[in-house]
Amino acid sequence: MLGSWPLAITGYNHGPYGVRRAVNAAGSTDLIYLIENYKKSTWGFASKNFYAEFLAAMSILANQEKDLTTVVKAETATGEVRLID
């Protein structure tokens, strides 16, 4: 639908139709161009930075044993949940 991984991943955050509107309004499928030039109140910090944050998370996951001296893995919580009236 969006034609590129950067746009598709950004669409996960901003919505695919929102990204499509941005592409149509800006006349470009270049994410860098959209980030720098597309102006709309819904196209804010989270939408502009989602792809970069995704790449950073992927890099950390791919290099965690090399880059992190201590890797703490979360364990699944177990126990009982009680609802109190």
PDB file of N, CA and C in Angstrom:
ATOM      1  N   MET A   1       0.813  -1.191   0.000  1.00  0.00           N
ATOM      2  CA  MET A   1       0.000   0.000   0.000  1.00  0.00           C
ATOM      3  C   MET A   1       0.865   1.268   0.000  1.00  0.00           C
ATOM      4  N   LEU A   2       1.917   1.277   0.801  1.00  0.00           N
ATOM      5  CA  LEU A   2       2.733   2.484   0.915  1.00  0.00           C
ATOM      6  C   LEU A   2       4.010   2.412   0.081  1.00  0.00           C
ATOM      7  N   GLY A   3       4.421   1.226  -0.316  1.00  0.00           N
ATOM      8  CA  GLY A   3       5.524   1.098  -1.254  1.00  0.00           C
ATOM      9  C   GLY A   3       6.928   1.081  -0.698  1.00  0.00           C
ATOM     10  N   SER A   4       7.093   1.278   0.604  1.00  0.00           N
ATOM     11  CA  SER A   4       8.437   1.202   1.180  1.00  0.00           C
ATOM     12  C   SER A   4       8.340   0.806   2.645  1.00  0.00           C
ATOM     13  N   TRP A   5       9.385   0.147   3.135  1.00  0.00           N
ATOM     14  CA  TRP A   5       9.405  -0.247   4.544  1.00  0.00           C
ATOM     15  C   TRP A   5       9.386   0.950   5.486  1.00  0.00           C
ATOM     16  N   PRO A   6      10.157   1.999   5.230  1.00  0.00           N
ATOM     17  CA  PRO A   6      10.088   3.145   6.145  1.00  0.00           C
ATOM     18  C   PRO A   6       8.673   3.719   6.268  1.00  0.00           C
ATOM     19  N   LEU A   7       7.963   3.820   5.144  1.00  0.00           N
ATOM     20  CA  LEU A   7       6.595   4.338   5.201  1.00  0.00           C
ATOM     21  C   LEU A   7       5.653   3.351   5.876  1.00  0.00           C
ATOM     22  N   ALA A   8       5.825   2.061   5.603  1.00  0.00           N
ATOM     23  CA  ALA A   8       4.961   1.054   6.223  1.00  0.00           C
ATOM     24  C   ALA A   8       5.148   1.033   7.734  1.00  0.00           C
ATOM     25  N   ILE A   9       6.385   1.105   8.189  1.00  0.00           N
ATOM     26  CA  ILE A   9       6.656   1.098   9.634  1.00  0.00           C
ATOM     27  C   ILE A   9       6.130   2.381  10.274  1.00  0.00           C
ATOM     28  N   THR A  10       6.291   3.503   9.610  1.00  0.00           N
ATOM     29  CA  THR A  10       5.724   4.756  10.110  1.00  0.00           C
ATOM     30  C   THR A  10       4.205   4.663  10.148  1.00  0.00           C
ATOM     31  N   GLY A  11       3.631   3.980   9.179  1.00  0.00           N
ATOM     32  CA  GLY A  11       2.186   3.777   9.141  1.00  0.00           C
ATOM     33  C   GLY A  11       1.670   2.951  10.297  1.00  0.00           C
ATOM     34  N   TYR A  12       2.513   2.115  10.871  1.00  0.00           N
ATOM     35  CA  TYR A  12       2.107   1.345  12.049  1.00  0.00           C
ATOM     36  C   TYR A  12       1.780   2.293  13.199  1.00  0.00           C
ATOM     37  N   ASN A  13       2.517   3.391  13.291  1.00  0.00           N
ATOM     38  CA  ASN A  13       2.282   4.386  14.344  1.00  0.00           C
ATOM     39  C   ASN A  13       1.238   5.415  13.930  1.00  0.00           C
ATOM     40  N   HIS A  14       1.391   5.977  12.766  1.00  0.00           N
ATOM     41  CA  HIS A  14       0.562   7.104  12.318  1.00  0.00           C
ATOM     42  C   HIS A  14      -0.712   6.649  11.607  1.00  0.00           C
ATOM     43  N   GLY A  15      -0.745   5.386  11.216  1.00  0.00           N
ATOM     44  CA  GLY A  15      -1.866   4.863  10.438  1.00  0.00           C
ATOM     45  C   GLY A  15      -1.525   4.894   8.962  1.00  0.00           C
ATOM     46  N   PRO A  16      -1.820   3.815   8.247  1.00  0.00           N
ATOM     47  CA  PRO A  16      -1.449   3.763   6.834  1.00  0.00           C
ATOM     48  C   PRO A  16      -2.131   4.845   5.993  1.00  0.00           C
ATOM     49  N   TYR A  17      -3.380   5.150   6.314  1.00  0.00           N
ATOM     50  CA  TYR A  17      -4.071   6.176   5.535  1.00  0.00           C
ATOM     51  C   TYR A  17      -3.553   7.570   5.871  1.00  0.00           C
ATOM     52  N   GLY A  18      -3.116   7.779   7.104  1.00  0.00           N
ATOM     53  CA  GLY A  18      -2.497   9.049   7.474  1.00  0.00           C
ATOM     54  C   GLY A  18      -1.190   9.259   6.739  1.00  0.00           C
ATOM     55  N   VAL A  19      -0.401   8.194   6.623  1.00  0.00           N
ATOM     56  CA  VAL A  19       0.859   8.288   5.870  1.00  0.00           C
ATOM     57  C   VAL A  19       0.560   8.505   4.392  1.00  0.00           C
ATOM     58  N   ARG A  20      -0.444   7.820   3.875  1.00  0.00           N
ATOM     59  CA  ARG A  20      -0.823   8.010   2.466  1.00  0.00           C
ATOM     60  C   ARG A  20      -1.238   9.469   2.216  1.00  0.00           C
ATOM     61  N   ARG A  21      -1.998  10.058   3.143  1.00  0.00           N
ATOM     62  CA  ARG A  21      -2.386  11.472   3.006  1.00  0.00           C
ATOM     63  C   ARG A  21      -1.148  12.373   3.010  1.00  0.00           C
ATOM     64  N   ALA A  22      -0.191  12.058   3.877  1.00  0.00           N
ATOM     65  CA  ALA A  22       1.047  12.845   3.941  1.00  0.00           C
ATOM     66  C   ALA A  22       1.813  12.748   2.624  1.00  0.00           C
ATOM     67  N   VAL A  23       1.921  11.542   2.084  1.00  0.00           N
ATOM     68  CA  VAL A  23       2.614  11.327   0.808  1.00  0.00           C
ATOM     69  C   VAL A  23       1.924  12.113  -0.303  1.00  0.00           C
ATOM     70  N   ASN A  24       0.606  12.024  -0.353  1.00  0.00           N
ATOM     71  CA  ASN A  24      -0.137  12.736  -1.403  1.00  0.00           C
ATOM     72  C   ASN A  24      -0.002  14.250  -1.256  1.00  0.00           C
ATOM     73  N   ALA A  25      -0.090  14.747  -0.032  1.00  0.00           N
ATOM     74  CA  ALA A  25       0.003  16.192   0.201  1.00  0.00           C
ATOM     75  C   ALA A  25       1.405  16.721  -0.095  1.00  0.00           C
ATOM     76  N   ALA A  26       2.421  15.950   0.284  1.00  0.00           N
ATOM     77  CA  ALA A  26       3.807  16.393   0.093  1.00  0.00           C
ATOM     78  C   ALA A  26       4.319  16.111  -1.311  1.00  0.00           C
ATOM     79  N   GLY A  27       3.682  15.159  -1.992  1.00  0.00           N
ATOM     80  CA  GLY A  27       4.139  14.799  -3.328  1.00  0.00           C
ATOM     81  C   GLY A  27       5.439  14.024  -3.324  1.00  0.00           C
ATOM     82  N   SER A  28       5.705  13.315  -2.224  1.00  0.00           N
ATOM     83  CA  SER A  28       6.959  12.563  -2.108  1.00  0.00           C
ATOM     84  C   SER A  28       6.741  11.315  -1.257  1.00  0.00           C
ATOM     85  N   THR A  29       7.455  10.250  -1.602  1.00  0.00           N
ATOM     86  CA  THR A  29       7.438   9.038  -0.787  1.00  0.00           C
ATOM     87  C   THR A  29       8.702   8.924   0.061  1.00  0.00           C
ATOM     88  N   ASP A  30       9.503   9.966   0.062  1.00  0.00           N
ATOM     89  CA  ASP A  30      10.742   9.985   0.842  1.00  0.00           C
ATOM     90  C   ASP A  30      10.420  10.376   2.286  1.00  0.00           C
ATOM     91  N   LEU A  31      10.650   9.463   3.225  1.00  0.00           N
ATOM     92  CA  LEU A  31      10.309   9.720   4.622  1.00  0.00           C
ATOM     93  C   LEU A  31      11.057  10.928   5.175  1.00  0.00           C
ATOM     94  N   ILE A  32      12.320  11.087   4.822  1.00  0.00           N
ATOM     95  CA  ILE A  32      13.090  12.249   5.292  1.00  0.00           C
ATOM     96  C   ILE A  32      12.416  13.546   4.827  1.00  0.00           C
ATOM     97  N   TYR A  33      11.996  13.564   3.579  1.00  0.00           N
ATOM     98  CA  TYR A  33      11.308  14.746   3.052  1.00  0.00           C
ATOM     99  C   TYR A  33      10.022  15.008   3.830  1.00  0.00           C
ATOM    100  N   LEU A  34       9.258  13.951   4.093  1.00  0.00           N
ATOM    101  CA  LEU A  34       8.010  14.113   4.857  1.00  0.00           C
ATOM    102  C   LEU A  34       8.293  14.660   6.251  1.00  0.00           C
ATOM    103  N   ILE A  35       9.290  14.096   6.913  1.00  0.00           N
ATOM    104  CA  ILE A  35       9.630  14.533   8.272  1.00  0.00           C
ATOM    105  C   ILE A  35       9.979  16.016   8.287  1.00  0.00           C
ATOM    106  N   GLU A  36      10.736  16.454   7.305  1.00  0.00           N
ATOM    107  CA  GLU A  36      11.205  17.840   7.285  1.00  0.00           C
ATOM    108  C   GLU A  36      10.188  18.838   6.735  1.00  0.00           C
ATOM    109  N   ASN A  37       9.275  18.376   5.876  1.00  0.00           N
ATOM    110  CA  ASN A  37       8.438  19.338   5.150  1.00  0.00           C
ATOM    111  C   ASN A  37       6.935  19.206   5.342  1.00  0.00           C
ATOM    112  N   TYR A  38       6.451  18.035   5.710  1.00  0.00           N
ATOM    113  CA  TYR A  38       5.002  17.873   5.854  1.00  0.00           C
ATOM    114  C   TYR A  38       4.556  18.513   7.159  1.00  0.00           C
ATOM    115  N   LYS A  39       3.601  19.407   7.078  1.00  0.00           N
ATOM    116  CA  LYS A  39       3.125  20.141   8.252  1.00  0.00           C
ATOM    117  C   LYS A  39       1.648  19.839   8.480  1.00  0.00           C
ATOM    118  N   LYS A  40       1.370  19.153   9.554  1.00  0.00           N
ATOM    119  CA  LYS A  40      -0.005  18.906   9.971  1.00  0.00           C
ATOM    120  C   LYS A  40       0.038  18.616  11.461  1.00  0.00           C
ATOM    121  N   SER A  41      -0.984  19.031  12.172  1.00  0.00           N
ATOM    122  CA  SER A  41      -0.969  18.880  13.634  1.00  0.00           C
ATOM    123  C   SER A  41      -0.876  17.418  14.067  1.00  0.00           C
ATOM    124  N   THR A  42      -1.424  16.500  13.278  1.00  0.00           N
ATOM    125  CA  THR A  42      -1.357  15.080  13.651  1.00  0.00           C
ATOM    126  C   THR A  42      -0.001  14.457  13.330  1.00  0.00           C
ATOM    127  N   TRP A  43       0.797  15.125  12.523  1.00  0.00           N
ATOM    128  CA  TRP A  43       2.125  14.626  12.131  1.00  0.00           C
ATOM    129  C   TRP A  43       3.144  15.219  13.101  1.00  0.00           C
ATOM    130  N   GLY A  44       3.119  14.712  14.329  1.00  0.00           N
ATOM    131  CA  GLY A  44       3.943  15.276  15.383  1.00  0.00           C
ATOM    132  C   GLY A  44       5.190  14.465  15.678  1.00  0.00           C
ATOM    133  N   PHE A  45       5.710  14.663  16.873  1.00  0.00           N
ATOM    134  CA  PHE A  45       6.968  14.048  17.290  1.00  0.00           C
ATOM    135  C   PHE A  45       6.947  12.528  17.139  1.00  0.00           C
ATOM    136  N   ALA A  46       5.897  11.886  17.638  1.00  0.00           N
ATOM    137  CA  ALA A  46       5.842  10.416  17.601  1.00  0.00           C
ATOM    138  C   ALA A  46       5.838   9.901  16.172  1.00  0.00           C
ATOM    139  N   SER A  47       5.047  10.509  15.313  1.00  0.00           N
ATOM    140  CA  SER A  47       4.984  10.068  13.917  1.00  0.00           C
ATOM    141  C   SER A  47       6.306  10.303  13.197  1.00  0.00           C
ATOM    142  N   LYS A  48       6.903  11.446  13.419  1.00  0.00           N
ATOM    143  CA  LYS A  48       8.160  11.777  12.745  1.00  0.00           C
ATOM    144  C   LYS A  48       9.317  10.894  13.203  1.00  0.00           C
ATOM    145  N   ASN A  49       9.295  10.450  14.426  1.00  0.00           N
ATOM    146  CA  ASN A  49      10.434   9.721  14.991  1.00  0.00           C
ATOM    147  C   ASN A  49      10.234   8.218  15.114  1.00  0.00           C
ATOM    148  N   PHE A  50       9.066   7.713  14.771  1.00  0.00           N
ATOM    149  CA  PHE A  50       8.780   6.296  14.988  1.00  0.00           C
ATOM    150  C   PHE A  50       9.747   5.387  14.232  1.00  0.00           C
ATOM    151  N   TYR A  51      10.039   5.689  12.972  1.00  0.00           N
ATOM    152  CA  TYR A  51      10.929   4.834  12.183  1.00  0.00           C
ATOM    153  C   TYR A  51      12.344   4.818  12.766  1.00  0.00           C
ATOM    154  N   ALA A  52      12.856   5.971  13.164  1.00  0.00           N
ATOM    155  CA  ALA A  52      14.193   6.029  13.774  1.00  0.00           C
ATOM    156  C   ALA A  52      14.223   5.251  15.084  1.00  0.00           C
ATOM    157  N   GLU A  53      13.166   5.359  15.877  1.00  0.00           N
ATOM    158  CA  GLU A  53      13.091   4.611  17.133  1.00  0.00           C
ATOM    159  C   GLU A  53      13.020   3.111  16.868  1.00  0.00           C
ATOM    160  N   PHE A  54      12.299   2.714  15.818  1.00  0.00           N
ATOM    161  CA  PHE A  54      12.216   1.308  15.424  1.00  0.00           C
ATOM    162  C   PHE A  54      13.603   0.784  15.042  1.00  0.00           C
ATOM    163  N   LEU A  55      14.330   1.544  14.234  1.00  0.00           N
ATOM    164  CA  LEU A  55      15.682   1.127  13.832  1.00  0.00           C
ATOM    165  C   LEU A  55      16.613   1.030  15.035  1.00  0.00           C
ATOM    166  N   ALA A  56      16.495   1.959  15.970  1.00  0.00           N
ATOM    167  CA  ALA A  56      17.328   1.918  17.177  1.00  0.00           C
ATOM    168  C   ALA A  56      17.025   0.668  17.996  1.00  0.00           C
ATOM    169  N   ALA A  57      15.755   0.342  18.153  1.00  0.00           N
ATOM    170  CA  ALA A  57      15.376  -0.859  18.906  1.00  0.00           C
ATOM    171  C   ALA A  57      15.886  -2.119  18.213  1.00  0.00           C
ATOM    172  N   MET A  58      15.786  -2.173  16.885  1.00  0.00           N
ATOM    173  CA  MET A  58      16.283  -3.330  16.137  1.00  0.00           C
ATOM    174  C   MET A  58      17.799  -3.471  16.284  1.00  0.00           C
ATOM    175  N   SER A  59      18.507  -2.357  16.264  1.00  0.00           N
ATOM    176  CA  SER A  59      19.956  -2.379  16.422  1.00  0.00           C
ATOM    177  C   SER A  59      20.348  -2.884  17.808  1.00  0.00           C
ATOM    178  N   ILE A  60      19.651  -2.418  18.817  1.00  0.00           N
ATOM    179  CA  ILE A  60      19.933  -2.870  20.187  1.00  0.00           C
ATOM    180  C   ILE A  60      19.678  -4.360  20.316  1.00  0.00           C
ATOM    181  N   LEU A  61      18.566  -4.834  19.773  1.00  0.00           N
ATOM    182  CA  LEU A  61      18.264  -6.269  19.844  1.00  0.00           C
ATOM    183  C   LEU A  61      19.301  -7.098  19.103  1.00  0.00           C
ATOM    184  N   ALA A  62      19.730  -6.624  17.956  1.00  0.00           N
ATOM    185  CA  ALA A  62      20.697  -7.371  17.153  1.00  0.00           C
ATOM    186  C   ALA A  62      22.078  -7.413  17.795  1.00  0.00           C
ATOM    187  N   ASN A  63      22.405  -6.404  18.588  1.00  0.00           N
ATOM    188  CA  ASN A  63      23.749  -6.298  19.156  1.00  0.00           C
ATOM    189  C   ASN A  63      23.778  -6.348  20.672  1.00  0.00           C
ATOM    190  N   GLN A  64      22.724  -6.845  21.290  1.00  0.00           N
ATOM    191  CA  GLN A  64      22.633  -6.758  22.747  1.00  0.00           C
ATOM    192  C   GLN A  64      23.749  -7.503  23.468  1.00  0.00           C
ATOM    193  N   GLU A  65      24.160  -8.634  22.982  1.00  0.00           N
ATOM    194  CA  GLU A  65      25.214  -9.385  23.666  1.00  0.00           C
ATOM    195  C   GLU A  65      26.560  -8.666  23.566  1.00  0.00           C
ATOM    196  N   LYS A  66      26.769  -7.951  22.468  1.00  0.00           N
ATOM    197  CA  LYS A  66      28.024  -7.233  22.250  1.00  0.00           C
ATOM    198  C   LYS A  66      28.023  -5.860  22.924  1.00  0.00           C
ATOM    199  N   ASP A  67      26.895  -5.162  22.844  1.00  0.00           N
ATOM    200  CA  ASP A  67      26.835  -3.773  23.292  1.00  0.00           C
ATOM    201  C   ASP A  67      26.467  -3.595  24.759  1.00  0.00           C
ATOM    202  N   LEU A  68      25.749  -4.526  25.312  1.00  0.00           N
ATOM    203  CA  LEU A  68      25.297  -4.385  26.694  1.00  0.00           C
ATOM    204  C   LEU A  68      26.113  -5.306  27.592  1.00  0.00           C
ATOM    205  N   THR A  69      26.680  -4.760  28.638  1.00  0.00           N
ATOM    206  CA  THR A  69      27.486  -5.591  29.528  1.00  0.00           C
ATOM    207  C   THR A  69      26.611  -6.496  30.377  1.00  0.00           C
ATOM    208  N   THR A  70      25.436  -6.024  30.741  1.00  0.00           N
ATOM    209  CA  THR A  70      24.509  -6.841  31.513  1.00  0.00           C
ATOM    210  C   THR A  70      23.147  -6.789  30.843  1.00  0.00           C
ATOM    211  N   VAL A  71      22.685  -7.939  30.444  1.00  0.00           N
ATOM    212  CA  VAL A  71      21.365  -8.017  29.834  1.00  0.00           C
ATOM    213  C   VAL A  71      20.411  -8.571  30.875  1.00  0.00           C
ATOM    214  N   VAL A  72      19.415  -7.798  31.201  1.00  0.00           N
ATOM    215  CA  VAL A  72      18.419  -8.228  32.175  1.00  0.00           C
ATOM    216  C   VAL A  72      17.183  -8.637  31.404  1.00  0.00           C
ATOM    217  N   LYS A  73      16.812  -9.882  31.551  1.00  0.00           N
ATOM    218  CA  LYS A  73      15.631 -10.378  30.862  1.00  0.00           C
ATOM    219  C   LYS A  73      14.477 -10.435  31.850  1.00  0.00           C
ATOM    220  N   ALA A  74      13.368  -9.856  31.459  1.00  0.00           N
ATOM    221  CA  ALA A  74      12.192  -9.835  32.329  1.00  0.00           C
ATOM    222  C   ALA A  74      11.564 -11.222  32.369  1.00  0.00           C
ATOM    223  N   GLU A  75      11.118 -11.595  33.523  1.00  0.00           N
ATOM    224  CA  GLU A  75      10.408 -12.856  33.663  1.00  0.00           C
ATOM    225  C   GLU A  75       8.914 -12.575  33.690  1.00  0.00           C
ATOM    226  N   THR A  76       8.161 -13.550  33.270  1.00  0.00           N
ATOM    227  CA  THR A  76       6.713 -13.409  33.284  1.00  0.00           C
ATOM    228  C   THR A  76       6.217 -13.418  34.716  1.00  0.00           C
ATOM    229  N   ALA A  77       5.380 -12.453  35.024  1.00  0.00           N
ATOM    230  CA  ALA A  77       4.809 -12.386  36.371  1.00  0.00           C
ATOM    231  C   ALA A  77       3.819 -13.529  36.560  1.00  0.00           C
ATOM    232  N   THR A  78       3.882 -14.121  37.714  1.00  0.00           N
ATOM    233  CA  THR A  78       2.913 -15.160  38.046  1.00  0.00           C
ATOM    234  C   THR A  78       2.247 -14.769  39.349  1.00  0.00           C
ATOM    235  N   GLY A  79       1.100 -15.238  39.536  1.00  0.00           N
ATOM    236  CA  GLY A  79       0.408 -14.924  40.781  1.00  0.00           C
ATOM    237  C   GLY A  79      -1.084 -14.853  40.578  1.00  0.00           C
ATOM    238  N   GLU A  80      -1.699 -14.271  41.541  1.00  0.00           N
ATOM    239  CA  GLU A  80      -3.147 -14.225  41.569  1.00  0.00           C
ATOM    240  C   GLU A  80      -3.603 -12.773  41.493  1.00  0.00           C
ATOM    241  N   VAL A  81      -4.649 -12.551  40.757  1.00  0.00           N
ATOM    242  CA  VAL A  81      -5.220 -11.215  40.653  1.00  0.00           C
ATOM    243  C   VAL A  81      -6.576 -11.234  41.337  1.00  0.00           C
ATOM    244  N   ARG A  82      -6.784 -10.283  42.227  1.00  0.00           N
ATOM    245  CA  ARG A  82      -8.070 -10.184  42.922  1.00  0.00           C
ATOM    246  C   ARG A  82      -8.676  -8.818  42.656  1.00  0.00           C
ATOM    247  N   LEU A  83      -9.937  -8.818  42.353  1.00  0.00           N
ATOM    248  CA  LEU A  83     -10.659  -7.568  42.171  1.00  0.00           C
ATOM    249  C   LEU A  83     -11.284  -7.180  43.494  1.00  0.00           C
ATOM    250  N   ILE A  84     -11.099  -5.941  43.881  1.00  0.00           N
ATOM    251  CA  ILE A  84     -11.644  -5.453  45.146  1.00  0.00           C
ATOM    252  C   ILE A  84     -12.788  -4.501  44.830  1.00  0.00           C
ATOM    253  N   ASP A  85     -13.925  -4.754  45.433  1.00  0.00           N
ATOM    254  CA  ASP A  85     -15.092  -3.877  45.225  1.00  0.00           C
ATOM    255  C   ASP A  85     -14.972  -2.627  46.034  1.00  0.00           C
TER     256      ASP A  85
END
